[in-house]
Amino acid sequence: MISRRGALIAGGTGVAVVAGGAAAYKVATGDKPEPPSPPSVNADGKLLWRNWSGIQNAYPAARLAPKDEGELALALKTAQGPIRPVGAGHSFTALAPTTGTLVSLDAMAGVVDWEGDAAIVRTGTRLGALGPMLAEKGRALPNLPDINKQSLGGALGTATHGAGAKIPALHGDVTGLRLVTPSGQVIDADAEKNPEIFQAALVSLGALGVISQVRIRTSANRRLRRRVWLEPFEEALANAEARWAQHRNFEFYAVPFTGLAANISHDETDDPALPRGPDQDTEFLEALKGLRNLLGFATPVRKAAAKALLSTAKPETAVDEGWKLLSTERPVRFNEMEFHLPVENQLKALEEVVRTIEKERPDVFFPIEARRIASDDAWLSPFHGGPRGSVAVHAYYRDDFSFLYSLVEPIFRRYEGRPHWGKLHTLRGQQLAALYPRWNDYLAVRQELDPEGRMLNPYLRGLFGLT
């Protein structure tokens, strides 16, 4: 999206000219120190577990990696509680931390069978590995999220989604599943067999037991044309609805303190492959961070410099199999809040979030993501009952992210947003019950399957409003 090695030092239009050469470049490329890390081993000799961004951690008493359903069932029945399943640690909320037992399904991965065009997949499979597995059969998942490092089970359990107004979140393509309960029972469930367990388990937060495998719909492994382009934020807002209707996948990013937006579309094509080039997103972020470091004190100057810096950026085009294009490498860590809003409220909420950040938080430089997702019927799906528009706000992992709670979340709540289960929010108990019509039905199934609360860590007890 911008030239390599950072247009921060580009002659004539670069930020270095605005702010003073080599000394300014040193400031722009400087960084805050790493946030403090807890000890790798605690006083009891237990090893540290941390999530991807570093804000969640625990010292579990035991870590298990069962190789099959028999070992998993035994672990859930006998291991020290709370028992929490863990995948890649890409959730920002405290779903995984436990002083009891952490269960990884990394040894339970792969495609084990096919039923027509539906794949039977073990839930320890990482999304990035699943793409080539399905492609061997000429198939693909209909959609993928922005990051593909997650395990399939973790992605389903938190209602992880991609971008596509007519395409559901990942769990929306699951047609059957196998749930291993805390009593060691193995339950097969779909729309006809154990249908209530099925609807509760599709998005379960890992609180019913552990889903060992799923039957998931696939689509033909088609090539997609990916386009990325910049334009004024006002134009992106004006065209967003038409683009969601036009493109197979469309999303855009409002870039605060620049007046710009980055658009990304994907559409099916029979054109020959044109592989995606070297990663530009990381350098784009570094340029935005440099603008923040140099000019965060002066928003008008910062916007002018950003437009000068980025105005010559050329659109990017790539053509390849969808599993190679829909997800992106994200080496720069962050913390994130994402809410899913009624579609009629999405763009209004986005505009207010951008205005608020530009008024109150000059330290923010990460783009703000807007996507559209189709509806489904899972009880705890944020997309239950109708399509939703998501807005995601990111904070660099070395920066303070408390503004997400104080400034951003109130806006999302005012526009009737439902939080992403894996991303930061403060909603609990009755607040969530008011947003989810089947909330109490889910809690009843949860109580039936786990009456002793073996799957509940303190965070989940608070989330569900349980004593």
Protein backbone atom coordinates (compact mmCIF):
# COMPACT_ATOMS: atom_id res chain seq x y z
CA MET A 1 0.00 0.00 0.00
CA ILE A 2 3.04 2.24 0.49
CA SER A 3 6.58 1.86 -0.68
CA ARG A 4 8.92 -0.42 1.21
CA ARG A 5 11.29 0.90 3.91
CA GLY A 6 8.74 3.48 4.90
CA ALA A 7 7.82 6.64 3.10
CA LEU A 8 8.64 8.36 6.39
CA ILE A 9 11.91 9.51 4.83
CA ALA A 10 10.66 10.13 1.30
CA GLY A 11 12.03 13.36 -0.11
CA GLY A 12 9.74 16.31 -0.68
CA THR A 13 6.53 14.72 0.62
CA GLY A 14 7.91 12.71 3.54
CA VAL A 15 7.37 13.33 7.20
CA ALA A 16 11.10 13.78 7.68
CA VAL A 17 10.96 17.00 5.67
CA VAL A 18 8.03 18.21 7.74
CA ALA A 19 9.67 17.46 11.06
CA GLY A 20 13.41 17.72 10.66
CA GLY A 21 15.51 15.06 8.94
CA ALA A 22 17.49 12.36 10.73
CA ALA A 23 16.55 13.43 14.24
CA ALA A 24 12.87 13.31 13.32
CA TYR A 25 13.32 9.91 11.71
CA LYS A 26 14.79 8.61 14.98
CA VAL A 27 11.76 9.88 16.87
CA ALA A 28 9.35 8.52 14.30
CA THR A 29 10.82 5.03 14.34
CA GLY A 30 11.30 4.91 18.09
CA ASP A 31 9.17 2.65 20.27
CA LYS A 32 7.94 2.33 23.81
CA PRO A 33 9.44 -0.41 25.98
CA GLU A 34 7.86 -3.84 26.10
CA PRO A 35 5.08 -4.11 28.70
CA PRO A 36 6.29 -5.93 31.81
CA SER A 37 5.93 -9.70 31.65
CA PRO A 38 4.97 -11.92 34.58
CA PRO A 39 7.62 -14.42 35.72
CA SER A 40 7.95 -17.43 33.42
CA VAL A 41 7.62 -19.69 36.48
CA ASN A 42 5.63 -18.85 39.61
CA ALA A 43 6.49 -19.62 43.24
CA ASP A 44 4.82 -23.05 42.93
CA GLY A 45 6.92 -23.99 39.92
CA LYS A 46 4.04 -23.63 37.44
CA LEU A 47 4.83 -22.40 33.93
CA LEU A 48 3.36 -19.17 32.60
CA TRP A 49 0.71 -19.18 29.86
CA ARG A 50 0.06 -15.88 28.01
CA ASN A 51 -2.23 -14.91 25.18
CA TRP A 52 -0.97 -13.50 21.89
CA SER A 53 -1.15 -9.84 22.90
CA GLY A 54 0.24 -10.49 26.38
CA ILE A 55 -2.62 -9.10 28.50
CA GLN A 56 -4.02 -12.47 29.68
CA ASN A 57 -1.90 -14.91 31.63
CA ALA A 58 -2.17 -17.85 34.00
CA TYR A 59 -0.19 -20.55 35.77
CA PRO A 60 -2.27 -23.69 35.20
CA ALA A 61 -1.74 -26.60 37.57
CA ALA A 62 -1.78 -29.01 34.61
CA ARG A 63 -1.55 -28.87 30.81
CA LEU A 64 -2.99 -31.70 28.76
CA ALA A 65 -2.85 -32.46 25.05
CA PRO A 66 -5.10 -35.49 24.44
CA LYS A 67 -4.49 -37.44 21.26
CA ASP A 68 -8.04 -38.74 20.77
CA GLU A 69 -11.58 -38.51 22.12
CA GLY A 70 -10.95 -41.22 24.69
CA GLU A 71 -8.10 -39.28 26.26
CA LEU A 72 -10.12 -36.07 26.03
CA ALA A 73 -13.13 -37.62 27.75
CA LEU A 74 -10.93 -38.96 30.55
CA ALA A 75 -9.26 -35.58 30.99
CA LEU A 76 -12.54 -33.70 31.24
CA LYS A 77 -13.88 -36.20 33.74
CA THR A 78 -10.85 -36.39 36.04
CA ALA A 79 -8.62 -33.33 35.61
CA GLN A 80 -8.42 -30.53 38.13
CA GLY A 81 -10.87 -27.73 37.44
CA PRO A 82 -11.45 -25.19 36.15
CA ILE A 83 -10.80 -26.92 32.83
CA ARG A 84 -10.27 -24.56 29.92
CA PRO A 85 -9.64 -25.43 26.26
CA VAL A 86 -7.02 -23.32 24.53
CA GLY A 87 -5.99 -22.87 20.92
CA ALA A 88 -3.66 -20.19 19.60
CA GLY A 89 -4.40 -17.69 22.38
CA HIS A 90 -5.79 -15.08 19.99
CA SER A 91 -8.66 -14.10 22.28
CA PHE A 92 -8.16 -10.89 24.22
CA THR A 93 -10.73 -11.74 26.89
CA ALA A 94 -9.95 -14.05 29.81
CA LEU A 95 -11.64 -17.12 28.34
CA ALA A 96 -8.61 -19.41 28.69
CA PRO A 97 -6.78 -18.49 31.94
CA THR A 98 -7.16 -21.06 34.70
CA THR A 99 -5.40 -22.23 37.83
CA GLY A 100 -6.71 -25.71 37.02
CA THR A 101 -6.20 -27.56 33.74
CA LEU A 102 -5.45 -26.10 30.32
CA VAL A 103 -6.41 -28.47 27.48
CA SER A 104 -4.85 -28.10 24.04
CA LEU A 105 -6.28 -29.95 21.05
CA ASP A 106 -3.18 -29.46 18.92
CA ALA A 107 -2.75 -33.25 18.76
CA MET A 108 -6.35 -33.63 17.53
CA ALA A 109 -6.10 -31.97 14.14
CA GLY A 110 -6.78 -32.68 10.49
CA VAL A 111 -9.57 -33.61 8.08
CA VAL A 112 -10.72 -37.11 9.01
CA ASP A 113 -13.53 -37.75 6.51
CA TRP A 114 -15.97 -36.27 4.00
CA GLU A 115 -19.75 -36.41 3.71
CA GLY A 116 -20.39 -35.16 0.20
CA ASP A 117 -18.94 -31.63 0.11
CA ALA A 118 -18.90 -31.35 3.91
CA ALA A 119 -15.58 -32.00 5.64
CA ILE A 120 -15.28 -33.75 9.01
CA VAL A 121 -12.56 -31.76 10.76
CA ARG A 122 -10.95 -32.13 14.17
CA THR A 123 -11.18 -28.86 16.04
CA GLY A 124 -7.51 -28.62 16.97
CA THR A 125 -6.79 -27.85 13.31
CA ARG A 126 -5.36 -24.39 12.72
CA LEU A 127 -7.24 -22.37 10.12
CA GLY A 128 -4.06 -21.64 8.21
CA ALA A 129 -3.36 -25.38 7.89
CA LEU A 130 -6.96 -26.22 6.95
CA GLY A 131 -6.85 -24.22 3.71
CA PRO A 132 -4.31 -26.44 1.92
CA MET A 133 -5.92 -29.59 3.37
CA LEU A 134 -9.26 -28.72 1.78
CA ALA A 135 -7.61 -27.48 -1.42
CA GLU A 136 -6.25 -30.99 -2.01
CA LYS A 137 -9.89 -31.97 -2.62
CA GLY A 138 -10.64 -28.84 -4.65
CA ARG A 139 -12.63 -27.39 -1.75
CA ALA A 140 -12.36 -24.42 0.59
CA LEU A 141 -14.10 -22.83 3.55
CA PRO A 142 -16.58 -20.26 2.23
CA ASN A 143 -14.84 -17.57 4.26
CA LEU A 144 -11.90 -16.95 6.57
CA PRO A 145 -11.24 -14.38 9.28
CA ASP A 146 -8.63 -11.65 9.05
CA ILE A 147 -6.12 -13.81 10.97
CA ASN A 148 -5.81 -17.56 10.34
CA LYS A 149 -3.60 -18.61 13.25
CA GLN A 150 -6.55 -19.68 15.41
CA SER A 151 -7.60 -23.24 16.01
CA LEU A 152 -10.90 -24.17 14.40
CA GLY A 153 -12.41 -24.89 17.82
CA GLY A 154 -11.36 -21.54 19.24
CA ALA A 155 -12.65 -19.68 16.19
CA LEU A 156 -16.04 -21.42 16.35
CA GLY A 157 -16.35 -21.00 20.10
CA THR A 158 -15.99 -17.21 19.90
CA ALA A 159 -18.08 -16.65 16.73
CA THR A 160 -15.04 -15.60 14.71
CA HIS A 161 -15.98 -14.31 11.26
CA GLY A 162 -14.67 -12.88 8.02
CA ALA A 163 -16.05 -10.15 5.79
CA GLY A 164 -18.99 -10.77 3.48
CA ALA A 165 -22.54 -9.42 3.70
CA LYS A 166 -23.97 -12.68 2.34
CA ILE A 167 -21.57 -15.06 4.10
CA PRO A 168 -22.04 -16.17 7.73
CA ALA A 169 -19.41 -16.47 10.44
CA LEU A 170 -17.46 -19.74 10.50
CA HIS A 171 -19.93 -21.49 12.81
CA GLY A 172 -22.74 -20.72 10.34
CA ASP A 173 -21.38 -23.42 8.01
CA VAL A 174 -21.19 -26.11 10.70
CA THR A 175 -23.92 -28.72 10.14
CA GLY A 176 -22.98 -31.16 12.88
CA LEU A 177 -20.58 -31.53 15.81
CA ARG A 178 -19.33 -33.91 18.47
CA LEU A 179 -19.23 -32.55 22.02
CA VAL A 180 -17.27 -34.17 24.85
CA THR A 181 -18.85 -33.13 28.15
CA PRO A 182 -17.26 -32.72 31.61
CA SER A 183 -18.78 -36.07 32.62
CA GLY A 184 -16.87 -37.77 29.81
CA GLN A 185 -19.96 -38.31 27.66
CA VAL A 186 -19.61 -37.91 23.88
CA ILE A 187 -22.66 -36.32 22.24
CA ASP A 188 -23.35 -36.07 18.51
CA ALA A 189 -25.53 -33.08 17.67
CA ASP A 190 -26.99 -31.43 14.61
CA ALA A 191 -30.24 -29.74 13.58
CA GLU A 192 -32.19 -33.00 14.06
CA LYS A 193 -30.26 -34.93 16.71
CA ASN A 194 -29.91 -33.07 20.01
CA PRO A 195 -30.85 -29.80 18.29
CA GLU A 196 -30.81 -27.67 21.45
CA ILE A 197 -27.32 -28.83 22.33
CA PHE A 198 -26.32 -28.13 18.73
CA GLN A 199 -27.56 -24.52 18.79
CA ALA A 200 -25.95 -23.94 22.19
CA ALA A 201 -22.64 -25.52 21.21
CA LEU A 202 -22.13 -23.73 17.89
CA VAL A 203 -20.90 -20.70 19.84
CA SER A 204 -20.16 -22.12 23.27
CA LEU A 205 -17.16 -20.16 24.67
CA GLY A 206 -15.81 -23.59 25.63
CA ALA A 207 -18.27 -23.65 28.54
CA LEU A 208 -20.27 -26.80 27.70
CA GLY A 209 -17.33 -29.16 27.34
CA VAL A 210 -14.97 -29.47 24.38
CA ILE A 211 -16.04 -29.91 20.74
CA SER A 212 -13.75 -32.56 19.29
CA GLN A 213 -14.81 -32.40 15.64
CA VAL A 214 -17.31 -30.73 13.35
CA ARG A 215 -18.98 -31.34 10.02
CA ILE A 216 -18.57 -28.14 8.04
CA ARG A 217 -19.80 -27.08 4.61
CA THR A 218 -17.19 -26.28 2.00
CA SER A 219 -17.34 -24.51 -1.34
CA ALA A 220 -15.41 -24.91 -4.58
CA ASN A 221 -11.83 -23.70 -4.22
CA ARG A 222 -12.15 -20.71 -6.55
CA ARG A 223 -9.65 -18.02 -7.36
CA LEU A 224 -10.42 -14.60 -5.98
CA ARG A 225 -9.34 -11.19 -7.19
CA ARG A 226 -8.18 -9.08 -4.25
CA ARG A 227 -8.08 -5.30 -4.60
CA VAL A 228 -6.77 -2.84 -2.02
CA TRP A 229 -7.06 0.92 -2.48
CA LEU A 230 -7.07 4.16 -0.52
CA GLU A 231 -9.63 6.94 -0.79
CA PRO A 232 -11.03 9.75 1.38
CA PHE A 233 -12.94 8.44 4.40
CA GLU A 234 -16.10 10.30 3.34
CA GLU A 235 -16.11 8.48 -0.01
CA ALA A 236 -15.66 5.12 1.70
CA LEU A 237 -18.66 5.84 3.93
CA ALA A 238 -20.78 6.95 0.98
CA ASN A 239 -19.97 3.85 -1.06
CA ALA A 240 -19.86 1.20 1.68
CA GLU A 241 -23.42 -0.12 1.33
CA ALA A 242 -23.15 -0.45 -2.45
CA ARG A 243 -19.82 -2.24 -2.13
CA TRP A 244 -21.15 -4.70 0.45
CA ALA A 245 -23.90 -5.52 -2.03
CA GLN A 246 -21.54 -5.69 -5.01
CA HIS A 247 -18.57 -7.72 -3.79
CA ARG A 248 -18.26 -11.28 -2.52
CA ASN A 249 -16.15 -9.91 0.33
CA PHE A 250 -15.73 -6.25 1.18
CA GLU A 251 -14.35 -4.44 4.19
CA PHE A 252 -12.76 -1.10 4.82
CA TYR A 253 -10.56 0.54 7.42
CA ALA A 254 -10.97 4.10 8.62
CA VAL A 255 -7.46 5.44 9.23
CA PRO A 256 -7.70 7.99 12.07
CA PHE A 257 -5.82 11.28 11.79
CA THR A 258 -5.45 10.90 8.02
CA GLY A 259 -8.92 11.55 6.55
CA LEU A 260 -8.43 8.33 4.56
CA ALA A 261 -9.84 4.83 4.39
CA ALA A 262 -8.33 1.62 3.03
CA ASN A 263 -10.73 -0.62 1.09
CA ILE A 264 -10.34 -4.36 0.47
CA SER A 265 -12.55 -6.36 -1.92
CA HIS A 266 -12.49 -10.01 -3.03
CA ASP A 267 -14.44 -11.38 -6.00
CA GLU A 268 -14.44 -14.72 -7.80
CA THR A 269 -12.54 -14.80 -11.07
CA ASP A 270 -11.17 -17.19 -13.69
CA ASP A 271 -8.20 -14.92 -14.41
CA PRO A 272 -4.71 -16.43 -14.13
CA ALA A 273 -2.98 -16.29 -10.78
CA LEU A 274 -1.24 -13.07 -9.81
CA PRO A 275 0.26 -13.90 -6.40
CA ARG A 276 0.08 -11.43 -3.56
CA GLY A 277 3.29 -9.45 -3.22
CA PRO A 278 5.39 -8.79 -0.11
CA ASP A 279 3.58 -7.69 3.03
CA GLN A 280 2.84 -3.96 2.98
CA ASP A 281 0.53 -3.79 6.00
CA THR A 282 3.34 -3.80 8.56
CA GLU A 283 5.12 -0.92 6.84
CA PHE A 284 1.82 0.94 6.57
CA LEU A 285 1.41 0.61 10.34
CA GLU A 286 5.00 1.72 10.94
CA ALA A 287 4.39 4.81 8.83
CA LEU A 288 1.22 5.60 10.79
CA LYS A 289 3.07 5.08 14.08
CA GLY A 290 5.81 7.41 12.86
CA LEU A 291 3.24 10.10 12.09
CA ARG A 292 1.81 9.63 15.58
CA ASN A 293 5.23 9.86 17.21
CA LEU A 294 6.22 13.01 15.32
CA LEU A 295 2.96 14.89 14.95
CA GLY A 296 0.53 13.53 17.53
CA PHE A 297 0.44 16.95 19.16
CA ALA A 298 -0.95 18.65 16.02
CA THR A 299 -3.84 16.91 14.30
CA PRO A 300 -4.13 19.26 11.27
CA VAL A 301 -0.41 18.94 10.52
CA ARG A 302 -0.60 15.19 11.05
CA LYS A 303 -3.46 14.87 8.57
CA ALA A 304 -1.71 17.02 6.01
CA ALA A 305 1.47 14.98 6.34
CA ALA A 306 -0.49 11.74 6.06
CA LYS A 307 -2.18 12.85 2.85
CA ALA A 308 1.17 13.90 1.38
CA LEU A 309 2.73 10.65 2.47
CA LEU A 310 -0.01 8.33 1.25
CA SER A 311 -1.59 10.13 -1.69
CA THR A 312 0.71 8.47 -4.22
CA ALA A 313 -0.02 4.95 -2.97
CA LYS A 314 -1.08 2.75 -5.87
CA PRO A 315 -3.92 0.20 -5.65
CA GLU A 316 -2.83 -3.40 -5.12
CA THR A 317 -4.25 -6.35 -7.04
CA ALA A 318 -3.70 -10.07 -6.50
CA VAL A 319 -5.39 -13.18 -7.90
CA ASP A 320 -5.09 -16.51 -6.11
CA GLU A 321 -7.00 -19.22 -4.30
CA GLY A 322 -9.21 -17.73 -1.61
CA TRP A 323 -7.47 -19.39 1.33
CA LYS A 324 -4.26 -17.61 0.31
CA LEU A 325 -5.85 -14.15 0.16
CA LEU A 326 -8.67 -13.80 2.69
CA SER A 327 -6.43 -13.86 5.77
CA THR A 328 -3.42 -11.65 6.48
CA GLU A 329 -0.23 -12.03 8.48
CA ARG A 330 -0.37 -9.77 11.55
CA PRO A 331 3.11 -9.65 13.09
CA VAL A 332 2.40 -6.36 14.88
CA ARG A 333 0.58 -7.22 18.08
CA PHE A 334 -2.39 -5.27 19.39
CA ASN A 335 -5.36 -5.37 21.74
CA GLU A 336 -8.82 -5.12 20.26
CA MET A 337 -12.47 -4.32 20.91
CA GLU A 338 -15.08 -5.29 18.33
CA PHE A 339 -18.85 -4.94 18.51
CA HIS A 340 -21.47 -6.19 16.04
CA LEU A 341 -24.18 -3.62 15.38
CA PRO A 342 -27.53 -3.57 13.59
CA VAL A 343 -26.66 -2.75 9.98
CA GLU A 344 -28.56 0.53 10.08
CA ASN A 345 -26.36 1.70 12.98
CA GLN A 346 -22.96 0.51 11.81
CA LEU A 347 -21.72 3.49 9.81
CA LYS A 348 -23.12 6.02 12.29
CA ALA A 349 -21.26 4.25 15.10
CA LEU A 350 -18.07 4.15 13.02
CA GLU A 351 -18.21 7.88 12.30
CA GLU A 352 -18.71 8.65 15.98
CA VAL A 353 -15.84 6.38 17.01
CA VAL A 354 -13.47 8.09 14.55
CA ARG A 355 -14.54 11.57 15.68
CA THR A 356 -14.12 10.64 19.33
CA ILE A 357 -10.68 9.12 18.88
CA GLU A 358 -9.46 12.08 16.84
CA LYS A 359 -10.70 14.44 19.56
CA GLU A 360 -9.56 12.51 22.63
CA ARG A 361 -6.79 10.04 21.76
CA PRO A 362 -3.96 11.34 19.56
CA ASP A 363 -1.86 8.30 20.50
CA VAL A 364 -4.07 5.96 18.42
CA PHE A 365 -2.72 5.05 14.98
CA PHE A 366 -4.21 1.63 14.13
CA PRO A 367 -6.89 1.64 11.40
CA ILE A 368 -10.48 0.92 12.47
CA GLU A 369 -12.08 -2.04 10.69
CA ALA A 370 -15.65 -2.22 9.34
CA ARG A 371 -17.15 -5.49 8.09
CA ARG A 372 -20.60 -6.94 7.35
CA ILE A 373 -21.66 -10.49 8.30
CA ALA A 374 -24.75 -12.56 7.40
CA SER A 375 -27.16 -13.88 10.03
CA ASP A 376 -27.39 -17.35 11.60
CA ASP A 377 -29.39 -19.10 14.32
CA ALA A 378 -26.80 -20.11 16.94
CA TRP A 379 -28.01 -19.02 20.36
CA LEU A 380 -24.92 -17.03 21.37
CA SER A 381 -24.05 -15.85 17.88
CA PRO A 382 -23.74 -12.05 17.68
CA PHE A 383 -25.42 -12.48 14.28
CA HIS A 384 -28.45 -14.31 15.68
CA GLY A 385 -31.67 -12.91 14.24
CA GLY A 386 -30.23 -10.76 11.44
CA PRO A 387 -27.10 -9.54 9.69
CA ARG A 388 -24.74 -7.32 11.61
CA GLY A 389 -22.10 -4.74 10.85
CA SER A 390 -18.93 -5.00 12.88
CA VAL A 391 -16.59 -2.21 13.93
CA ALA A 392 -13.22 -3.14 15.44
CA VAL A 393 -10.88 -0.74 17.23
CA HIS A 394 -7.27 -1.72 17.85
CA ALA A 395 -4.60 -0.43 20.22
CA TYR A 396 -0.89 -1.13 19.77
CA TYR A 397 0.15 -3.71 22.37
CA ARG A 398 2.66 -1.33 23.96
CA ASP A 399 0.06 1.44 24.31
CA ASP A 400 -2.59 2.02 26.95
CA PHE A 401 -5.90 0.51 25.80
CA SER A 402 -8.18 1.75 28.60
CA PHE A 403 -9.79 4.20 26.16
CA LEU A 404 -11.53 1.21 24.56
CA TYR A 405 -13.65 0.89 27.71
CA SER A 406 -14.09 4.58 28.56
CA LEU A 407 -14.60 6.10 25.08
CA VAL A 408 -15.37 3.41 22.53
CA GLU A 409 -17.54 0.85 24.30
CA PRO A 410 -20.19 3.42 25.36
CA ILE A 411 -20.64 4.34 21.69
CA PHE A 412 -21.07 0.71 20.67
CA ARG A 413 -23.55 0.08 23.46
CA ARG A 414 -25.58 3.16 22.56
CA TYR A 415 -25.93 1.77 19.03
CA GLU A 416 -27.15 -1.64 20.34
CA GLY A 417 -23.92 -3.53 19.66
CA ARG A 418 -23.17 -7.07 20.72
CA PRO A 419 -19.54 -7.73 21.71
CA HIS A 420 -17.25 -10.17 19.95
CA TRP A 421 -16.74 -12.96 22.51
CA GLY A 422 -12.99 -13.07 22.03
CA LYS A 423 -12.42 -9.32 22.18
CA LEU A 424 -12.41 -6.77 24.96
CA HIS A 425 -15.66 -5.64 26.54
CA THR A 426 -17.21 -5.22 30.00
CA LEU A 427 -20.72 -6.63 29.47
CA ARG A 428 -21.93 -9.23 31.95
CA GLY A 429 -25.01 -11.20 33.00
CA GLN A 430 -28.24 -9.30 32.49
CA GLN A 431 -26.62 -6.85 30.07
CA LEU A 432 -25.93 -9.77 27.74
CA ALA A 433 -29.27 -11.40 28.43
CA ALA A 434 -30.94 -8.26 27.05
CA LEU A 435 -29.01 -8.66 23.77
CA TYR A 436 -29.47 -12.40 23.24
CA PRO A 437 -33.04 -13.79 23.06
CA ARG A 438 -31.85 -17.35 23.77
CA TRP A 439 -29.44 -16.41 26.58
CA ASN A 440 -31.36 -18.24 29.31
CA ASP A 441 -31.85 -21.27 27.06
CA TYR A 442 -28.09 -21.44 26.60
CA LEU A 443 -27.51 -21.19 30.36
CA ALA A 444 -30.00 -24.01 30.95
CA VAL A 445 -28.18 -26.33 28.53
CA ARG A 446 -24.86 -25.31 30.07
CA GLN A 447 -26.10 -26.17 33.56
CA GLU A 448 -27.43 -29.52 32.37
CA LEU A 449 -24.15 -30.52 30.72
CA ASP A 450 -21.83 -29.13 33.43
CA PRO A 451 -23.78 -28.96 36.69
CA GLU A 452 -20.60 -28.73 38.78
CA GLY A 453 -19.19 -25.86 36.76
CA ARG A 454 -15.97 -27.68 35.88
CA MET A 455 -15.59 -25.65 32.66
CA LEU A 456 -16.09 -22.29 34.37
CA ASN A 457 -13.18 -20.06 35.28
CA PRO A 458 -13.87 -16.83 37.22
CA TYR A 459 -14.22 -14.81 34.02
CA LEU A 460 -16.97 -17.06 32.66
CA ARG A 461 -18.79 -17.10 35.99
CA GLY A 462 -18.89 -13.32 35.87
CA LEU A 463 -19.84 -13.26 32.20
CA PHE A 464 -22.81 -15.57 32.82
CA GLY A 465 -23.84 -13.72 35.99
CA LEU A 466 -23.26 -16.80 38.19
CA THR A 467 -22.22 -16.73 41.83
